[in-house]
Amino acid sequence: MADLVKSLAAFGALSVGTAVRRAASTVGGYLVVGILLAVSLCFLTLAGYRALSQAMGSIHASLIVGCAYLFAALLAALVLQVRRR
């Protein structure tokens, strides 16, 4: 009976260790994806700003890019509020 308990405890410890490693790997993967997404968003924002700046001037380009991010933030806040209810 004691051997069975020891075996179950060892199996449980292995299962927990595997789950922790898998969770850490998943979190690390999502961290890499998030960093790459943030970098790409910076480059896309800069490219869009420069294109708008050449077409309309820097003041209008800044206003358009700023309003686009404000709109995206407000839309995300609205989605979070709707999901909360």
PDB file of N, CA and C in Angstrom:
ATOM      1  N   MET A   1       0.826  -1.192   0.000  1.00  0.00           N
ATOM      2  CA  MET A   1       0.000   0.000   0.000  1.00  0.00           C
ATOM      3  C   MET A   1       0.872   1.258   0.000  1.00  0.00           C
ATOM      4  N   ALA A   2       1.946   1.258   0.763  1.00  0.00           N
ATOM      5  CA  ALA A   2       2.834   2.418   0.830  1.00  0.00           C
ATOM      6  C   ALA A   2       3.514   2.654  -0.512  1.00  0.00           C
ATOM      7  N   ASP A   3       3.829   1.553  -1.239  1.00  0.00           N
ATOM      8  CA  ASP A   3       4.448   1.697  -2.552  1.00  0.00           C
ATOM      9  C   ASP A   3       3.483   2.347  -3.538  1.00  0.00           C
ATOM     10  N   LEU A   4       2.212   2.004  -3.429  1.00  0.00           N
ATOM     11  CA  LEU A   4       1.206   2.597  -4.305  1.00  0.00           C
ATOM     12  C   LEU A   4       1.086   4.095  -4.058  1.00  0.00           C
ATOM     13  N   VAL A   5       1.093   4.489  -2.801  1.00  0.00           N
ATOM     14  CA  VAL A   5       1.009   5.915  -2.459  1.00  0.00           C
ATOM     15  C   VAL A   5       2.238   6.655  -2.973  1.00  0.00           C
ATOM     16  N   LYS A   6       3.422   6.054  -2.809  1.00  0.00           N
ATOM     17  CA  LYS A   6       4.649   6.677  -3.305  1.00  0.00           C
ATOM     18  C   LYS A   6       4.620   6.810  -4.824  1.00  0.00           C
ATOM     19  N   SER A   7       4.113   5.785  -5.491  1.00  0.00           N
ATOM     20  CA  SER A   7       4.029   5.821  -6.954  1.00  0.00           C
ATOM     21  C   SER A   7       3.064   6.905  -7.416  1.00  0.00           C
ATOM     22  N   LEU A   8       1.928   6.996  -6.742  1.00  0.00           N
ATOM     23  CA  LEU A   8       0.958   8.037  -7.091  1.00  0.00           C
ATOM     24  C   LEU A   8       1.522   9.436  -6.833  1.00  0.00           C
ATOM     25  N   ALA A   9       2.253   9.603  -5.754  1.00  0.00           N
ATOM     26  CA  ALA A   9       2.858  10.899  -5.448  1.00  0.00           C
ATOM     27  C   ALA A   9       3.911  11.262  -6.496  1.00  0.00           C
ATOM     28  N   ALA A  10       4.699  10.286  -6.904  1.00  0.00           N
ATOM     29  CA  ALA A  10       5.717  10.536  -7.931  1.00  0.00           C
ATOM     30  C   ALA A  10       5.066  10.871  -9.260  1.00  0.00           C
ATOM     31  N   PHE A  11       4.001  10.153  -9.607  1.00  0.00           N
ATOM     32  CA  PHE A  11       3.287  10.437 -10.848  1.00  0.00           C
ATOM     33  C   PHE A  11       2.659  11.822 -10.819  1.00  0.00           C
ATOM     34  N   GLY A  12       2.099  12.186  -9.680  1.00  0.00           N
ATOM     35  CA  GLY A  12       1.514  13.526  -9.531  1.00  0.00           C
ATOM     36  C   GLY A  12       2.562  14.604  -9.664  1.00  0.00           C
ATOM     37  N   ALA A  13       3.729  14.396  -9.077  1.00  0.00           N
ATOM     38  CA  ALA A  13       4.806  15.379  -9.170  1.00  0.00           C
ATOM     39  C   ALA A  13       5.270  15.533 -10.617  1.00  0.00           C
ATOM     40  N   LEU A  14       5.382  14.427 -11.338  1.00  0.00           N
ATOM     41  CA  LEU A  14       5.768  14.485 -12.751  1.00  0.00           C
ATOM     42  C   LEU A  14       4.718  15.214 -13.579  1.00  0.00           C
ATOM     43  N   SER A  15       3.452  14.960 -13.286  1.00  0.00           N
ATOM     44  CA  SER A  15       2.372  15.619 -14.028  1.00  0.00           C
ATOM     45  C   SER A  15       2.383  17.121 -13.787  1.00  0.00           C
ATOM     46  N   VAL A  16       2.588  17.519 -12.543  1.00  0.00           N
ATOM     47  CA  VAL A  16       2.639  18.938 -12.219  1.00  0.00           C
ATOM     48  C   VAL A  16       3.843  19.592 -12.888  1.00  0.00           C
ATOM     49  N   GLY A  17       4.983  18.910 -12.856  1.00  0.00           N
ATOM     50  CA  GLY A  17       6.182  19.443 -13.495  1.00  0.00           C
ATOM     51  C   GLY A  17       5.992  19.627 -14.991  1.00  0.00           C
ATOM     52  N   THR A  18       5.358  18.650 -15.616  1.00  0.00           N
ATOM     53  CA  THR A  18       5.088  18.744 -17.047  1.00  0.00           C
ATOM     54  C   THR A  18       4.119  19.882 -17.348  1.00  0.00           C
ATOM     55  N   ALA A  19       3.091  20.033 -16.534  1.00  0.00           N
ATOM     56  CA  ALA A  19       2.119  21.107 -16.745  1.00  0.00           C
ATOM     57  C   ALA A  19       2.770  22.480 -16.570  1.00  0.00           C
ATOM     58  N   VAL A  20       3.652  22.610 -15.602  1.00  0.00           N
ATOM     59  CA  VAL A  20       4.339  23.889 -15.375  1.00  0.00           C
ATOM     60  C   VAL A  20       5.248  24.209 -16.551  1.00  0.00           C
ATOM     61  N   ARG A  21       5.988  23.214 -17.045  1.00  0.00           N
ATOM     62  CA  ARG A  21       6.871  23.443 -18.195  1.00  0.00           C
ATOM     63  C   ARG A  21       6.063  23.813 -19.432  1.00  0.00           C
ATOM     64  N   ARG A  22       4.946  23.151 -19.628  1.00  0.00           N
ATOM     65  CA  ARG A  22       4.097  23.448 -20.782  1.00  0.00           C
ATOM     66  C   ARG A  22       3.510  24.851 -20.672  1.00  0.00           C
ATOM     67  N   ALA A  23       3.089  25.239 -19.480  1.00  0.00           N
ATOM     68  CA  ALA A  23       2.540  26.586 -19.280  1.00  0.00           C
ATOM     69  C   ALA A  23       3.621  27.644 -19.489  1.00  0.00           C
ATOM     70  N   ALA A  24       4.825  27.392 -18.994  1.00  0.00           N
ATOM     71  CA  ALA A  24       5.922  28.347 -19.177  1.00  0.00           C
ATOM     72  C   ALA A  24       6.277  28.477 -20.654  1.00  0.00           C
ATOM     73  N   SER A  25       6.260  27.385 -21.372  1.00  0.00           N
ATOM     74  CA  SER A  25       6.538  27.416 -22.802  1.00  0.00           C
ATOM     75  C   SER A  25       5.464  28.205 -23.546  1.00  0.00           C
ATOM     76  N   THR A  26       4.218  28.015 -23.164  1.00  0.00           N
ATOM     77  CA  THR A  26       3.124  28.755 -23.800  1.00  0.00           C
ATOM     78  C   THR A  26       3.232  30.242 -23.509  1.00  0.00           C
ATOM     79  N   VAL A  27       3.504  30.597 -22.267  1.00  0.00           N
ATOM     80  CA  VAL A  27       3.644  32.009 -21.903  1.00  0.00           C
ATOM     81  C   VAL A  27       4.822  32.631 -22.647  1.00  0.00           C
ATOM     82  N   GLY A  28       5.931  31.912 -22.737  1.00  0.00           N
ATOM     83  CA  GLY A  28       7.083  32.408 -23.475  1.00  0.00           C
ATOM     84  C   GLY A  28       6.770  32.619 -24.949  1.00  0.00           C
ATOM     85  N   GLY A  29       6.031  31.689 -25.531  1.00  0.00           N
ATOM     86  CA  GLY A  29       5.633  31.822 -26.929  1.00  0.00           C
ATOM     87  C   GLY A  29       4.756  33.036 -27.158  1.00  0.00           C
ATOM     88  N   TYR A  30       3.769  33.226 -26.274  1.00  0.00           N
ATOM     89  CA  TYR A  30       2.897  34.394 -26.406  1.00  0.00           C
ATOM     90  C   TYR A  30       3.663  35.692 -26.162  1.00  0.00           C
ATOM     91  N   LEU A  31       4.666  35.654 -25.313  1.00  0.00           N
ATOM     92  CA  LEU A  31       5.490  36.838 -25.080  1.00  0.00           C
ATOM     93  C   LEU A  31       6.254  37.220 -26.349  1.00  0.00           C
ATOM     94  N   VAL A  32       6.817  36.233 -27.020  1.00  0.00           N
ATOM     95  CA  VAL A  32       7.523  36.495 -28.281  1.00  0.00           C
ATOM     96  C   VAL A  32       6.558  37.050 -29.328  1.00  0.00           C
ATOM     97  N   VAL A  33       5.376  36.449 -29.426  1.00  0.00           N
ATOM     98  CA  VAL A  33       4.373  36.925 -30.379  1.00  0.00           C
ATOM     99  C   VAL A  33       3.966  38.357 -30.049  1.00  0.00           C
ATOM    100  N   GLY A  34       3.770  38.662 -28.781  1.00  0.00           N
ATOM    101  CA  GLY A  34       3.394  40.022 -28.384  1.00  0.00           C
ATOM    102  C   GLY A  34       4.470  41.045 -28.706  1.00  0.00           C
ATOM    103  N   ILE A  35       5.726  40.679 -28.483  1.00  0.00           N
ATOM    104  CA  ILE A  35       6.821  41.602 -28.793  1.00  0.00           C
ATOM    105  C   ILE A  35       6.898  41.846 -30.291  1.00  0.00           C
ATOM    106  N   LEU A  36       6.805  40.782 -31.082  1.00  0.00           N
ATOM    107  CA  LEU A  36       6.834  40.939 -32.534  1.00  0.00           C
ATOM    108  C   LEU A  36       5.652  41.764 -33.033  1.00  0.00           C
ATOM    109  N   LEU A  37       4.488  41.572 -32.433  1.00  0.00           N
ATOM    110  CA  LEU A  37       3.313  42.358 -32.806  1.00  0.00           C
ATOM    111  C   LEU A  37       3.514  43.833 -32.487  1.00  0.00           C
ATOM    112  N   ALA A  38       4.079  44.131 -31.322  1.00  0.00           N
ATOM    113  CA  ALA A  38       4.326  45.528 -30.944  1.00  0.00           C
ATOM    114  C   ALA A  38       5.334  46.183 -31.879  1.00  0.00           C
ATOM    115  N   VAL A  39       6.389  45.467 -32.240  1.00  0.00           N
ATOM    116  CA  VAL A  39       7.392  46.024 -33.156  1.00  0.00           C
ATOM    117  C   VAL A  39       6.780  46.275 -34.524  1.00  0.00           C
ATOM    118  N   SER A  40       5.994  45.327 -35.011  1.00  0.00           N
ATOM    119  CA  SER A  40       5.375  45.514 -36.322  1.00  0.00           C
ATOM    120  C   SER A  40       4.383  46.669 -36.298  1.00  0.00           C
ATOM    121  N   LEU A  41       3.667  46.837 -35.203  1.00  0.00           N
ATOM    122  CA  LEU A  41       2.736  47.957 -35.091  1.00  0.00           C
ATOM    123  C   LEU A  41       3.476  49.291 -35.107  1.00  0.00           C
ATOM    124  N   CYS A  42       4.642  49.339 -34.474  1.00  0.00           N
ATOM    125  CA  CYS A  42       5.452  50.566 -34.506  1.00  0.00           C
ATOM    126  C   CYS A  42       5.893  50.895 -35.924  1.00  0.00           C
ATOM    127  N   PHE A  43       6.371  49.893 -36.656  1.00  0.00           N
ATOM    128  CA  PHE A  43       6.815  50.130 -38.026  1.00  0.00           C
ATOM    129  C   PHE A  43       5.651  50.530 -38.928  1.00  0.00           C
ATOM    130  N   LEU A  44       4.515  49.860 -38.770  1.00  0.00           N
ATOM    131  CA  LEU A  44       3.351  50.213 -39.585  1.00  0.00           C
ATOM    132  C   LEU A  44       2.849  51.616 -39.266  1.00  0.00           C
ATOM    133  N   THR A  45       2.877  51.985 -38.000  1.00  0.00           N
ATOM    134  CA  THR A  45       2.470  53.332 -37.617  1.00  0.00           C
ATOM    135  C   THR A  45       3.413  54.368 -38.216  1.00  0.00           C
ATOM    136  N   LEU A  46       4.699  54.114 -38.136  1.00  0.00           N
ATOM    137  CA  LEU A  46       5.672  55.048 -38.702  1.00  0.00           C
ATOM    138  C   LEU A  46       5.506  55.174 -40.209  1.00  0.00           C
ATOM    139  N   ALA A  47       5.315  54.047 -40.886  1.00  0.00           N
ATOM    140  CA  ALA A  47       5.139  54.096 -42.334  1.00  0.00           C
ATOM    141  C   ALA A  47       3.869  54.851 -42.708  1.00  0.00           C
ATOM    142  N   GLY A  48       2.783  54.598 -41.995  1.00  0.00           N
ATOM    143  CA  GLY A  48       1.541  55.319 -42.263  1.00  0.00           C
ATOM    144  C   GLY A  48       1.668  56.805 -41.979  1.00  0.00           C
ATOM    145  N   TYR A  49       2.345  57.138 -40.900  1.00  0.00           N
ATOM    146  CA  TYR A  49       2.539  58.542 -40.557  1.00  0.00           C
ATOM    147  C   TYR A  49       3.360  59.251 -41.630  1.00  0.00           C
ATOM    148  N   ARG A  50       4.429  58.602 -42.068  1.00  0.00           N
ATOM    149  CA  ARG A  50       5.286  59.233 -43.084  1.00  0.00           C
ATOM    150  C   ARG A  50       4.541  59.413 -44.397  1.00  0.00           C
ATOM    151  N   ALA A  51       3.714  58.427 -44.772  1.00  0.00           N
ATOM    152  CA  ALA A  51       2.935  58.555 -46.004  1.00  0.00           C
ATOM    153  C   ALA A  51       1.925  59.689 -45.882  1.00  0.00           C
ATOM    154  N   LEU A  52       1.242  59.756 -44.753  1.00  0.00           N
ATOM    155  CA  LEU A  52       0.279  60.845 -44.543  1.00  0.00           C
ATOM    156  C   LEU A  52       0.984  62.190 -44.450  1.00  0.00           C
ATOM    157  N   SER A  53       2.139  62.199 -43.840  1.00  0.00           N
ATOM    158  CA  SER A  53       2.890  63.439 -43.692  1.00  0.00           C
ATOM    159  C   SER A  53       3.308  63.995 -45.054  1.00  0.00           C
ATOM    160  N   GLN A  54       3.721  63.136 -45.949  1.00  0.00           N
ATOM    161  CA  GLN A  54       4.094  63.590 -47.284  1.00  0.00           C
ATOM    162  C   GLN A  54       2.882  64.066 -48.063  1.00  0.00           C
ATOM    163  N   ALA A  55       1.735  63.434 -47.845  1.00  0.00           N
ATOM    164  CA  ALA A  55       0.534  63.781 -48.598  1.00  0.00           C
ATOM    165  C   ALA A  55      -0.182  65.002 -48.027  1.00  0.00           C
ATOM    166  N   MET A  56      -0.214  65.149 -46.690  1.00  0.00           N
ATOM    167  CA  MET A  56      -1.057  66.173 -46.063  1.00  0.00           C
ATOM    168  C   MET A  56      -0.318  67.131 -45.159  1.00  0.00           C
ATOM    169  N   GLY A  57       0.884  66.823 -44.780  1.00  0.00           N
ATOM    170  CA  GLY A  57       1.608  67.646 -43.820  1.00  0.00           C
ATOM    171  C   GLY A  57       1.662  66.943 -42.471  1.00  0.00           C
ATOM    172  N   SER A  58       2.614  67.367 -41.661  1.00  0.00           N
ATOM    173  CA  SER A  58       2.863  66.642 -40.410  1.00  0.00           C
ATOM    174  C   SER A  58       1.770  66.852 -39.364  1.00  0.00           C
ATOM    175  N   ILE A  59       1.172  68.030 -39.321  1.00  0.00           N
ATOM    176  CA  ILE A  59       0.107  68.290 -38.330  1.00  0.00           C
ATOM    177  C   ILE A  59      -1.096  67.393 -38.596  1.00  0.00           C
ATOM    178  N   HIS A  60      -1.542  67.353 -39.831  1.00  0.00           N
ATOM    179  CA  HIS A  60      -2.705  66.529 -40.158  1.00  0.00           C
ATOM    180  C   HIS A  60      -2.386  65.041 -39.980  1.00  0.00           C
ATOM    181  N   ALA A  61      -1.185  64.639 -40.337  1.00  0.00           N
ATOM    182  CA  ALA A  61      -0.794  63.239 -40.164  1.00  0.00           C
ATOM    183  C   ALA A  61      -0.808  62.846 -38.694  1.00  0.00           C
ATOM    184  N   SER A  62      -0.288  63.725 -37.843  1.00  0.00           N
ATOM    185  CA  SER A  62      -0.291  63.444 -36.401  1.00  0.00           C
ATOM    186  C   SER A  62      -1.714  63.336 -35.873  1.00  0.00           C
ATOM    187  N   LEU A  63      -2.582  64.216 -36.314  1.00  0.00           N
ATOM    188  CA  LEU A  63      -3.976  64.173 -35.871  1.00  0.00           C
ATOM    189  C   LEU A  63      -4.673  62.896 -36.338  1.00  0.00           C
ATOM    190  N   ILE A  64      -4.437  62.493 -37.563  1.00  0.00           N
ATOM    191  CA  ILE A  64      -5.088  61.292 -38.089  1.00  0.00           C
ATOM    192  C   ILE A  64      -4.601  60.049 -37.350  1.00  0.00           C
ATOM    193  N   VAL A  65      -3.295  59.918 -37.175  1.00  0.00           N
ATOM    194  CA  VAL A  65      -2.753  58.738 -36.484  1.00  0.00           C
ATOM    195  C   VAL A  65      -3.209  58.729 -35.024  1.00  0.00           C
ATOM    196  N   GLY A  66      -3.176  59.874 -34.373  1.00  0.00           N
ATOM    197  CA  GLY A  66      -3.624  59.955 -32.980  1.00  0.00           C
ATOM    198  C   GLY A  66      -5.088  59.587 -32.828  1.00  0.00           C
ATOM    199  N   CYS A  67      -5.922  60.092 -33.723  1.00  0.00           N
ATOM    200  CA  CYS A  67      -7.356  59.769 -33.667  1.00  0.00           C
ATOM    201  C   CYS A  67      -7.610  58.296 -33.967  1.00  0.00           C
ATOM    202  N   ALA A  68      -6.822  57.713 -34.854  1.00  0.00           N
ATOM    203  CA  ALA A  68      -6.987  56.284 -35.152  1.00  0.00           C
ATOM    204  C   ALA A  68      -6.706  55.442 -33.908  1.00  0.00           C
ATOM    205  N   TYR A  69      -5.637  55.789 -33.177  1.00  0.00           N
ATOM    206  CA  TYR A  69      -5.333  55.040 -31.949  1.00  0.00           C
ATOM    207  C   TYR A  69      -6.363  55.321 -30.859  1.00  0.00           C
ATOM    208  N   LEU A  70      -6.850  56.542 -30.772  1.00  0.00           N
ATOM    209  CA  LEU A  70      -7.899  56.859 -29.802  1.00  0.00           C
ATOM    210  C   LEU A  70      -9.148  56.054 -30.103  1.00  0.00           C
ATOM    211  N   PHE A  71      -9.533  55.983 -31.374  1.00  0.00           N
ATOM    212  CA  PHE A  71     -10.705  55.214 -31.766  1.00  0.00           C
ATOM    213  C   PHE A  71     -10.518  53.732 -31.430  1.00  0.00           C
ATOM    214  N   ALA A  72      -9.328  53.194 -31.712  1.00  0.00           N
ATOM    215  CA  ALA A  72      -9.060  51.785 -31.410  1.00  0.00           C
ATOM    216  C   ALA A  72      -9.130  51.526 -29.906  1.00  0.00           C
ATOM    217  N   ALA A  73      -8.611  52.445 -29.101  1.00  0.00           N
ATOM    218  CA  ALA A  73      -8.660  52.283 -27.641  1.00  0.00           C
ATOM    219  C   ALA A  73     -10.093  52.350 -27.124  1.00  0.00           C
ATOM    220  N   LEU A  74     -10.878  53.292 -27.648  1.00  0.00           N
ATOM    221  CA  LEU A  74     -12.277  53.392 -27.223  1.00  0.00           C
ATOM    222  C   LEU A  74     -13.079  52.170 -27.644  1.00  0.00           C
ATOM    223  N   LEU A  75     -12.806  51.647 -28.827  1.00  0.00           N
ATOM    224  CA  LEU A  75     -13.485  50.444 -29.282  1.00  0.00           C
ATOM    225  C   LEU A  75     -13.122  49.246 -28.406  1.00  0.00           C
ATOM    226  N   ALA A  76     -11.860  49.122 -28.040  1.00  0.00           N
ATOM    227  CA  ALA A  76     -11.433  48.032 -27.157  1.00  0.00           C
ATOM    228  C   ALA A  76     -12.081  48.160 -25.780  1.00  0.00           C
ATOM    229  N   ALA A  77     -12.177  49.388 -25.255  1.00  0.00           N
ATOM    230  CA  ALA A  77     -12.834  49.607 -23.963  1.00  0.00           C
ATOM    231  C   ALA A  77     -14.309  49.245 -24.035  1.00  0.00           C
ATOM    232  N   LEU A  78     -14.948  49.571 -25.154  1.00  0.00           N
ATOM    233  CA  LEU A  78     -16.354  49.226 -25.329  1.00  0.00           C
ATOM    234  C   LEU A  78     -16.546  47.715 -25.369  1.00  0.00           C
ATOM    235  N   VAL A  79     -15.676  47.019 -26.068  1.00  0.00           N
ATOM    236  CA  VAL A  79     -15.768  45.548 -26.142  1.00  0.00           C
ATOM    237  C   VAL A  79     -15.573  44.947 -24.760  1.00  0.00           C
ATOM    238  N   LEU A  80     -14.622  45.464 -23.982  1.00  0.00           N
ATOM    239  CA  LEU A  80     -14.414  44.953 -22.626  1.00  0.00           C
ATOM    240  C   LEU A  80     -15.623  45.195 -21.733  1.00  0.00           C
ATOM    241  N   GLN A  81     -16.252  46.356 -21.873  1.00  0.00           N
ATOM    242  CA  GLN A  81     -17.439  46.648 -21.065  1.00  0.00           C
ATOM    243  C   GLN A  81     -18.611  45.744 -21.440  1.00  0.00           C
ATOM    244  N   VAL A  82     -18.782  45.492 -22.735  1.00  0.00           N
ATOM    245  CA  VAL A  82     -19.877  44.622 -23.181  1.00  0.00           C
ATOM    246  C   VAL A  82     -19.638  43.191 -22.714  1.00  0.00           C
ATOM    247  N   ARG A  83     -18.397  42.736 -22.765  1.00  0.00           N
ATOM    248  CA  ARG A  83     -18.101  41.367 -22.325  1.00  0.00           C
ATOM    249  C   ARG A  83     -18.243  41.199 -20.823  1.00  0.00           C
ATOM    250  N   ARG A  84     -18.077  42.273 -20.070  1.00  0.00           N
ATOM    251  CA  ARG A  84     -18.182  42.206 -18.605  1.00  0.00           C
ATOM    252  C   ARG A  84     -19.617  41.937 -18.167  1.00  0.00           C
ATOM    253  N   ARG A  85     -20.582  42.373 -18.947  1.00  0.00           N
ATOM    254  CA  ARG A  85     -21.993  42.223 -18.565  1.00  0.00           C
ATOM    255  C   ARG A  85     -22.541  40.890 -18.920  1.00  0.00           C
TER     256      ARG A  85
END
